Protein backbone atom coordinates (compact mmCIF):
# COMPACT_ATOMS: atom_id res chain seq x y z
CA MET A 1 24.75 -27.15 133.56
CA VAL A 2 21.80 -24.79 134.09
CA ALA A 3 18.31 -25.32 131.71
CA LEU A 4 17.52 -22.26 130.11
CA ASP A 5 13.79 -21.01 130.63
CA ARG A 6 13.63 -19.07 127.67
CA PRO A 7 13.83 -19.78 124.40
CA VAL A 8 16.77 -18.29 122.38
CA ASP A 9 16.34 -15.40 120.52
CA GLU A 10 16.88 -16.62 116.92
CA PRO A 11 19.16 -13.86 114.99
CA LYS A 12 16.54 -11.95 113.26
CA VAL A 13 17.54 -12.18 109.63
CA ALA A 14 16.72 -9.26 107.01
CA PRO A 15 13.79 -10.17 104.86
CA PRO A 16 15.47 -9.95 101.22
CA PRO A 17 14.65 -7.35 98.81
CA GLU A 18 11.50 -7.25 96.58
CA PRO A 19 12.90 -8.10 93.14
CA GLN A 20 12.55 -5.07 91.28
CA PRO A 21 10.88 -5.22 87.30
CA GLU A 22 13.92 -5.09 84.77
CA LEU A 23 13.50 -2.41 82.58
CA THR A 24 12.50 -2.60 79.38
CA ALA A 25 12.01 -0.54 76.22
CA ALA A 26 8.34 -1.38 76.21
CA THR A 27 7.90 0.03 79.87
CA ILE A 28 10.03 2.94 79.24
CA GLU A 29 6.87 5.92 78.27
CA VAL A 30 8.60 8.60 75.92
CA PRO A 31 6.30 11.53 76.01
CA SER A 32 5.55 12.73 72.45
CA VAL A 33 6.36 15.84 71.43
CA THR A 34 3.59 17.51 69.41
CA GLU A 35 4.59 19.29 66.73
CA PRO A 36 3.57 23.00 65.86
CA THR A 37 0.93 23.38 63.52
CA VAL A 38 1.78 25.81 61.09
CA ALA A 39 -1.03 27.40 59.53
CA GLU A 40 -1.93 26.93 55.81
CA PRO A 41 -2.34 30.01 53.77
CA GLN A 42 -5.80 30.94 53.05
CA ALA A 43 -7.21 31.46 50.17
CA PRO A 44 -8.39 34.24 48.99
CA PRO A 45 -12.19 34.22 49.41
CA GLU A 46 -14.35 33.35 45.90
CA PRO A 47 -16.60 36.27 44.67
CA ALA A 48 -19.91 35.82 45.30
CA PRO A 49 -21.12 34.36 42.19
CA VAL A 50 -23.38 36.71 40.40
CA PRO A 51 -26.95 35.38 39.76
CA GLU A 52 -27.63 35.11 35.88
CA PRO A 53 -30.88 36.46 35.03
CA GLU A 54 -34.14 34.54 34.75
CA PRO A 55 -34.74 34.14 30.29
CA GLU A 56 -37.55 35.40 29.46
CA PRO A 57 -40.37 32.60 28.78
CA GLU A 58 -40.55 32.01 25.48
CA PRO A 59 -43.67 32.59 23.59
CA GLU A 60 -46.11 29.94 22.95
CA PRO A 61 -46.29 28.68 19.29
CA GLU A 62 -48.98 30.44 17.50
CA VAL A 63 -51.26 27.67 16.18
CA ILE A 64 -52.19 28.55 12.85
CA GLU A 65 -55.04 25.98 11.62
CA GLU A 66 -54.64 24.94 8.10
CA PRO A 67 -58.04 25.54 6.19
CA ALA A 68 -59.66 21.70 5.28
CA VAL A 69 -58.84 20.86 1.65
CA GLU A 70 -62.02 21.26 -0.16
CA LEU A 71 -62.48 18.61 -2.55
CA GLU A 72 -63.41 19.53 -6.31
CA LYS A 73 -66.84 18.21 -7.27
CA PRO A 74 -66.77 17.09 -11.01
CA ALA A 75 -69.04 18.25 -13.18
CA PRO A 76 -71.58 16.12 -14.23
CA ALA A 77 -71.60 14.01 -17.57
CA ALA A 78 -74.82 15.93 -18.89
CA GLY A 79 -72.83 18.98 -18.01
CA ARG A 80 -69.28 18.35 -19.73
CA LEU A 81 -71.12 16.89 -23.09
CA ALA A 82 -72.74 19.98 -23.55
CA ARG A 83 -69.90 21.89 -23.55
CA LEU A 84 -67.82 19.64 -25.55
CA ARG A 85 -70.24 19.50 -27.96
CA ALA A 86 -70.70 23.31 -28.22
CA ARG A 87 -66.89 23.33 -28.25
CA LEU A 88 -66.61 20.89 -31.17
CA ALA A 89 -69.10 23.17 -32.92
CA LYS A 90 -67.09 25.88 -33.35
CA SER A 91 -63.83 24.36 -34.25
CA ASN A 92 -62.90 24.93 -37.62
CA ASN A 93 -63.91 21.27 -38.64
CA VAL A 94 -64.10 20.34 -42.62
CA PHE A 95 -67.73 19.21 -42.44
CA SER A 96 -69.79 22.02 -41.16
CA LYS A 97 -67.16 24.86 -43.12
CA GLY A 98 -66.39 22.85 -46.10
CA LEU A 99 -68.50 19.84 -46.82
CA LEU A 100 -72.07 21.06 -46.34
CA ALA A 101 -71.75 23.55 -49.10
CA LEU A 102 -70.28 21.79 -51.81
CA LEU A 103 -73.29 19.10 -51.28
CA ALA A 104 -75.48 22.38 -51.26
CA GLN A 105 -74.52 23.33 -54.88
CA ASP A 106 -76.89 23.67 -57.98
CA ASP A 107 -75.36 21.05 -59.82
CA ILE A 108 -72.54 18.61 -58.41
CA ASP A 109 -70.40 17.24 -61.24
CA GLU A 110 -67.47 14.79 -61.19
CA ASP A 111 -65.22 17.70 -60.36
CA VAL A 112 -67.45 18.55 -57.12
CA TRP A 113 -67.72 15.23 -56.27
CA ASP A 114 -63.70 14.73 -56.18
CA GLU A 115 -63.50 17.96 -53.84
CA ILE A 116 -65.72 16.34 -51.44
CA GLU A 117 -63.63 13.12 -51.34
CA GLU A 118 -60.38 15.72 -51.40
CA THR A 119 -62.27 17.52 -47.98
CA LEU A 120 -63.54 14.36 -46.58
CA LEU A 121 -60.14 12.58 -46.54
CA MET A 122 -58.72 16.22 -45.16
CA SER A 123 -60.82 15.34 -42.08
CA ASP A 124 -58.44 12.13 -41.23
CA LEU A 125 -60.97 10.11 -42.57
CA GLY A 126 -59.19 7.71 -44.30
CA THR A 127 -59.04 6.55 -47.79
CA ASP A 128 -61.19 3.76 -48.07
CA PRO A 129 -64.25 5.67 -45.67
CA ALA A 130 -64.06 8.63 -47.57
CA MET A 131 -64.92 6.79 -50.82
CA GLU A 132 -67.11 5.02 -49.30
CA LEU A 133 -69.12 8.50 -47.89
CA VAL A 134 -69.05 10.21 -51.09
CA ASP A 135 -70.68 6.64 -52.74
CA ARG A 136 -73.61 6.72 -50.75
CA LEU A 137 -74.26 10.67 -50.85
CA LYS A 138 -74.21 10.45 -54.27
CA GLU A 139 -76.73 7.85 -54.78
CA ARG A 140 -78.77 9.33 -52.16
CA VAL A 141 -78.41 12.72 -54.02
CA THR A 142 -79.31 11.03 -57.53
CA VAL A 143 -82.34 9.62 -56.18
CA GLU A 144 -83.53 12.34 -54.13
CA GLY A 145 -82.72 15.12 -56.01
CA THR A 146 -83.02 17.60 -53.45
CA ARG A 147 -80.15 20.76 -52.64
CA ASP A 148 -82.09 21.79 -49.60
CA PRO A 149 -79.28 22.51 -47.08
CA GLU A 150 -82.16 20.80 -44.25
CA ALA A 151 -82.05 18.29 -46.76
CA VAL A 152 -78.60 18.05 -47.33
CA ARG A 153 -77.27 18.31 -43.96
CA THR A 154 -79.96 15.03 -42.99
CA MET A 155 -78.10 12.91 -45.32
CA LEU A 156 -75.02 13.69 -44.39
CA ARG A 157 -75.46 13.00 -40.37
CA GLU A 158 -77.67 10.18 -40.80
CA GLU A 159 -74.41 8.76 -43.60
CA LEU A 160 -71.97 9.43 -41.03
CA ILE A 161 -73.68 8.01 -37.85
CA LYS A 162 -73.94 4.92 -39.78
CA MET A 163 -70.07 5.16 -40.23
CA VAL A 164 -69.21 6.26 -36.78
CA ASP A 165 -71.12 2.81 -36.12
CA PRO A 166 -73.64 3.13 -32.95
CA THR A 167 -74.11 -0.38 -32.50
CA MET A 168 -70.48 -0.51 -30.89
CA ASP A 169 -70.82 -0.81 -26.87
CA ARG A 170 -69.39 2.14 -25.54
CA ARG A 171 -69.71 1.50 -21.77
CA LEU A 172 -67.14 1.49 -19.66
CA ALA A 173 -66.42 -1.91 -17.59
CA ALA A 174 -67.25 0.50 -14.16
CA THR A 175 -69.08 -2.16 -12.11
CA ARG A 176 -67.47 -4.54 -9.30
CA LYS A 177 -68.25 -8.03 -10.03
CA ASP A 178 -67.74 -10.83 -7.67
CA GLY A 179 -66.30 -8.85 -4.97
CA LYS A 180 -63.65 -7.39 -6.63
CA PRO A 181 -63.63 -3.91 -8.10
CA ALA A 182 -63.55 -3.10 -12.10
CA VAL A 183 -59.86 -3.02 -13.33
CA MET A 184 -58.77 -0.51 -15.90
CA MET A 185 -55.36 -0.32 -17.57
CA VAL A 186 -54.77 3.03 -19.33
CA VAL A 187 -51.60 2.76 -21.85
CA GLY A 188 -50.65 4.99 -24.78
CA VAL A 189 -46.95 6.80 -25.73
CA ASN A 190 -45.66 9.58 -24.08
CA GLY A 191 -47.17 12.95 -25.22
CA VAL A 192 -50.55 11.66 -25.57
CA GLY A 193 -52.13 12.75 -21.67
CA LYS A 194 -52.07 9.90 -20.21
CA THR A 195 -51.34 10.26 -17.11
CA THR A 196 -54.10 13.73 -17.18
CA THR A 197 -56.51 11.38 -18.77
CA VAL A 198 -56.42 8.61 -15.67
CA GLY A 199 -57.02 12.07 -13.52
CA LYS A 200 -59.75 13.01 -15.63
CA LEU A 201 -61.35 9.72 -15.91
CA ALA A 202 -61.49 9.46 -11.95
CA ARG A 203 -63.52 12.59 -12.03
CA VAL A 204 -66.04 11.33 -14.77
CA LEU A 205 -66.17 8.14 -12.27
CA VAL A 206 -66.24 10.55 -8.89
CA ALA A 207 -69.07 12.10 -10.95
CA GLU A 208 -71.03 9.14 -10.93
CA GLU A 209 -70.43 8.37 -7.21
CA ARG A 210 -67.85 5.52 -7.43
CA ASN A 211 -65.11 4.74 -5.25
CA VAL A 212 -62.06 5.29 -7.06
CA ILE A 213 -57.99 4.04 -6.53
CA LEU A 214 -55.33 5.32 -8.98
CA GLY A 215 -52.46 3.24 -9.42
CA ALA A 216 -48.93 5.54 -10.63
CA ALA A 217 -47.50 2.57 -12.79
CA ASP A 218 -45.55 4.77 -15.01
CA THR A 219 -42.84 4.82 -12.51
CA PHE A 220 -40.01 5.89 -15.64
CA ARG A 221 -41.60 9.49 -15.75
CA ALA A 222 -40.65 10.81 -12.77
CA ALA A 223 -43.31 13.36 -12.38
CA ALA A 224 -45.77 10.66 -13.15
CA ALA A 225 -46.81 9.36 -9.91
CA GLU A 226 -46.55 13.20 -8.29
CA GLN A 227 -49.18 14.65 -11.21
CA LEU A 228 -51.70 11.41 -10.72
CA THR A 229 -51.51 12.12 -6.79
CA THR A 230 -52.40 15.96 -6.96
CA TRP A 231 -54.92 14.98 -9.64
CA GLY A 232 -55.91 11.99 -7.00
CA GLU A 233 -56.04 14.31 -4.03
CA ARG A 234 -58.56 17.22 -6.03
CA VAL A 235 -61.18 14.79 -6.26
CA GLY A 236 -60.23 12.73 -2.85
CA VAL A 237 -59.46 9.30 -4.29
CA GLU A 238 -56.19 7.24 -3.18
CA THR A 239 -53.09 7.16 -4.85
CA VAL A 240 -50.97 4.37 -4.77
CA ARG A 241 -47.45 4.97 -5.87
CA SER A 242 -43.81 3.81 -5.39
CA GLU A 243 -41.28 5.86 -3.59
CA GLN A 244 -38.63 4.48 -5.26
CA GLU A 245 -38.16 6.12 -9.05
CA GLY A 246 -38.28 3.19 -11.24
CA ALA A 247 -39.75 0.67 -9.23
CA ASP A 248 -41.08 -2.47 -10.87
CA PRO A 249 -44.60 -1.22 -12.81
CA ALA A 250 -46.15 -4.40 -12.36
CA SER A 251 -45.70 -4.57 -8.84
CA VAL A 252 -47.33 -0.97 -7.97
CA ALA A 253 -50.16 -2.51 -10.38
CA PHE A 254 -50.60 -5.18 -8.23
CA SER A 255 -50.69 -3.40 -5.10
CA ALA A 256 -52.90 -0.83 -6.42
CA VAL A 257 -55.09 -3.94 -7.13
CA GLU A 258 -54.76 -5.50 -4.12
CA ALA A 259 -55.45 -1.64 -2.12
CA GLY A 260 -59.13 -1.41 -4.32
CA ILE A 261 -59.93 -5.11 -3.06
CA GLN A 262 -59.34 -4.44 0.67
CA GLN A 263 -61.02 -0.88 0.35
CA GLU A 264 -64.01 -2.25 -1.68
CA ALA A 265 -63.35 0.19 -4.27
CA ASP A 266 -65.56 0.48 -7.19
CA VAL A 267 -62.93 1.27 -9.87
CA VAL A 268 -58.55 0.81 -10.05
CA LEU A 269 -57.45 2.79 -12.49
CA VAL A 270 -54.08 1.80 -13.62
CA ASP A 271 -51.50 4.27 -15.17
CA THR A 272 -48.77 2.74 -17.54
CA ALA A 273 -45.60 4.09 -18.68
CA GLY A 274 -45.09 4.94 -22.49
CA ARG A 275 -41.50 5.68 -22.93
CA LEU A 276 -40.80 1.76 -24.66
CA HIS A 277 -37.94 1.98 -26.80
CA SER A 278 -38.60 -1.16 -28.79
CA LYS A 279 -42.18 -3.11 -30.00
CA ALA A 280 -40.59 -6.48 -28.18
CA ASN A 281 -40.11 -4.52 -24.88
CA LEU A 282 -43.50 -2.51 -24.94
CA MET A 283 -45.26 -5.97 -25.46
CA GLU A 284 -42.96 -7.60 -22.97
CA GLU A 285 -44.17 -5.02 -20.39
CA LEU A 286 -47.43 -3.92 -21.07
CA GLY A 287 -48.04 -7.92 -20.89
CA LYS A 288 -46.23 -8.38 -17.82
CA VAL A 289 -47.88 -5.50 -15.44
CA LYS A 290 -51.71 -7.00 -16.88
CA ARG A 291 -50.91 -10.63 -16.26
CA VAL A 292 -49.09 -9.40 -12.66
CA ALA A 293 -52.65 -7.25 -11.96
CA GLU A 294 -55.00 -10.23 -12.88
CA LYS A 295 -53.57 -12.19 -9.86
CA GLN A 296 -55.68 -10.08 -8.09
CA ALA A 297 -58.45 -9.62 -10.02
CA PRO A 298 -59.22 -9.72 -13.78
CA VAL A 299 -58.42 -6.24 -15.85
CA ASP A 300 -62.37 -5.06 -17.57
CA GLU A 301 -60.98 -2.63 -19.34
CA VAL A 302 -57.61 -1.44 -21.34
CA LEU A 303 -57.84 2.17 -22.36
CA LEU A 304 -55.78 3.05 -25.72
CA VAL A 305 -55.69 7.13 -25.30
CA ILE A 306 -54.73 8.48 -28.67
CA ASP A 307 -53.74 12.11 -29.98
CA ALA A 308 -56.09 12.98 -32.32
CA THR A 309 -54.07 15.57 -33.63
CA THR A 310 -51.04 12.74 -35.11
CA GLY A 311 -54.08 12.19 -37.73
CA GLN A 312 -52.47 8.64 -39.05
CA ASN A 313 -49.40 8.95 -37.01
CA GLY A 314 -51.79 7.91 -34.43
CA LEU A 315 -53.21 4.87 -36.46
CA MET A 316 -49.57 3.49 -36.35
CA GLN A 317 -49.33 3.47 -32.86
CA ALA A 318 -52.55 1.97 -32.21
CA LYS A 319 -51.94 -1.37 -33.78
CA VAL A 320 -48.86 -1.43 -31.79
CA PHE A 321 -50.36 -1.09 -28.21
CA THR A 322 -53.55 -3.37 -29.62
CA GLU A 323 -50.65 -5.96 -30.76
CA ALA A 324 -48.93 -6.20 -26.80
CA VAL A 325 -52.27 -6.23 -25.22
CA ASP A 326 -56.06 -6.41 -25.35
CA VAL A 327 -57.39 -3.44 -26.16
CA THR A 328 -60.77 -2.50 -25.50
CA GLY A 329 -61.56 1.25 -26.03
CA ILE A 330 -60.07 4.30 -27.26
CA VAL A 331 -59.80 7.60 -25.61
CA LEU A 332 -59.17 10.45 -28.40
CA THR A 333 -57.50 13.35 -26.46
CA LYS A 334 -57.03 17.37 -28.07
CA LEU A 335 -59.55 17.26 -30.35
CA ASP A 336 -60.13 20.27 -30.57
CA GLY A 337 -60.20 23.17 -33.66
CA THR A 338 -56.75 21.70 -35.15
CA ALA A 339 -57.53 18.22 -35.29
CA LYS A 340 -60.29 16.10 -37.38
CA GLY A 341 -63.05 14.28 -36.36
CA GLY A 342 -63.00 11.87 -39.02
CA ILE A 343 -60.23 10.29 -37.21
CA VAL A 344 -62.97 8.23 -34.88
CA VAL A 345 -64.03 6.62 -38.04
CA ALA A 346 -60.74 5.69 -39.09
CA ILE A 347 -59.56 4.12 -35.61
CA GLN A 348 -62.76 2.54 -35.36
CA ARG A 349 -62.38 1.29 -38.66
CA GLN A 350 -59.08 -0.09 -38.73
CA LEU A 351 -58.87 -1.71 -35.11
CA GLY A 352 -62.44 -2.65 -34.98
CA VAL A 353 -62.61 -0.88 -31.35
CA PRO A 354 -64.58 1.69 -30.19
CA VAL A 355 -64.12 5.11 -29.14
CA LYS A 356 -64.99 5.39 -25.59
CA LEU A 357 -64.02 8.80 -24.03
CA ILE A 358 -63.01 12.08 -26.20
CA GLY A 359 -61.15 15.00 -24.99
CA LEU A 360 -61.34 18.40 -26.30
CA GLY A 361 -59.13 20.27 -24.11
CA GLU A 362 -56.92 20.90 -20.88
CA GLY A 363 -60.09 21.68 -18.53
CA ALA A 364 -59.97 19.01 -15.52
CA ASP A 365 -63.94 18.40 -16.84
CA ASP A 366 -62.83 18.20 -20.52
CA LEU A 367 -63.76 14.86 -20.88
CA ALA A 368 -66.88 12.69 -21.86
CA PRO A 369 -68.17 9.84 -22.53
CA PHE A 370 -68.71 9.82 -26.84
CA GLU A 371 -71.90 9.59 -28.36
CA THR A 372 -72.06 8.55 -31.75
CA GLU A 373 -75.36 11.14 -32.21
CA ALA A 374 -74.28 14.32 -30.35
CA PHE A 375 -70.30 13.87 -31.94
CA VAL A 376 -71.77 13.59 -35.21
CA ASP A 377 -74.30 16.74 -34.57
CA ALA A 378 -71.37 18.70 -32.98
CA LEU A 379 -69.36 18.06 -36.62
CA ILE A 380 -71.74 19.14 -38.95
CA ALA A 381 -73.46 22.18 -36.76
CA SER A 382 -73.31 25.69 -38.69
C-alpha cells in the first residue's frame, strides 16, 4: 500500500446562491403619473376703481351769541304809589264826582241827605257803613255850619279815613324769622288775577331788595306754572314747579318752602288753585296746602285776592275763603275807573281783615302797598 504525500483535493462544491429578497407590493416602486395641469379660465380684470371725490369740508357752524338776559328793574314803592294815586284820582268815582257837590250845596235838606246816602251805596260802601257816614257828616255840617268846598272836603276826608281805619296793621310779613323765610300763600278764585298778583308782588319785594322764591302750586290750570315762571324770570326770581299737570299742590308748596330754606331766601310766595267746585273741596285743598307747607316753616301770610269790580259778590267769595284758611290780608285788584272805592271799607268791616295791597291796572308795577290817607286823598281829589 502506498502512502500518499499530498492531501487529496476535496471536490470543490459551488457556494449556494445568495437568497434573493422576496418581491412584495411594498417594494415595487410604481412611478407616479403626473396629470397634466389644465389652466383655469382667467376672470376679466376688474376695472380700476374710480376714486371718490373728497367731500368738501363742512363749514363751521356760526356761533350766535345770545344776548344776556337783562333783568327788569321794578319800580320803587314811592313811584308806584304816586302813579296809582294819579290814576285813582282820574277815575270816575262817586266820591269826587258826586258826593262833594252834594255836600257843598247851600241848602242840604232830607232829600239831599237821601241822595248822599244813595251815592255812597253806589260806591259799594255797604248799607251800614253808608248810613254811619251820613250820620257823621250830617252832625258835623249842622255843628260847623259851613258850605265852603274846602271845609266840606276836609270833613269828608276825615270821616272816610276813620272808616277805612288807619289803625289796622297793613304791613306784610316779609322778614326771615328763626333762620327761615317768611311764607306767603296767595288764594282766590280763578279770574281775579291771582297768579298775576303773585308775579307783581314778587316785583314789589325784589324792589325792596328781598330774595324771593315762587311756588307754582296752582297745578290744575295748565298755563299757571308757565305764567308764574315768566313773571319770575323777568326779575330773576326762581320758580319751583311740577312738570306734571295735575300734581299734588301741597307737594309743590312743600318743595318751594324747602328750596327757600336751603337758599336762605327772605320770602317764599306760593300761588294756589282757585278752580274748586264746592265749599268742602275748597276748605280741604287749601287747608292741606297750608298744613304741608308748615312742615317746613310757618305760613306768615294768607293773602286773599279779590276783584274790586265784582263788588258785593266779592264779599261772598271772601267769606268762603276766610272759613277755609286764616286770611291775614286782602289784595284788591282792578280798582280802576270801573270799580268803586267803598269796597275797601265793606270788605274790612265784614271780614275784620285789612286791605294790604291794591292794583289799578295790568302793568307790571301796578300793584302797591295800601296806604289809608293816600287812598282817601285819591278818592276825593277833584
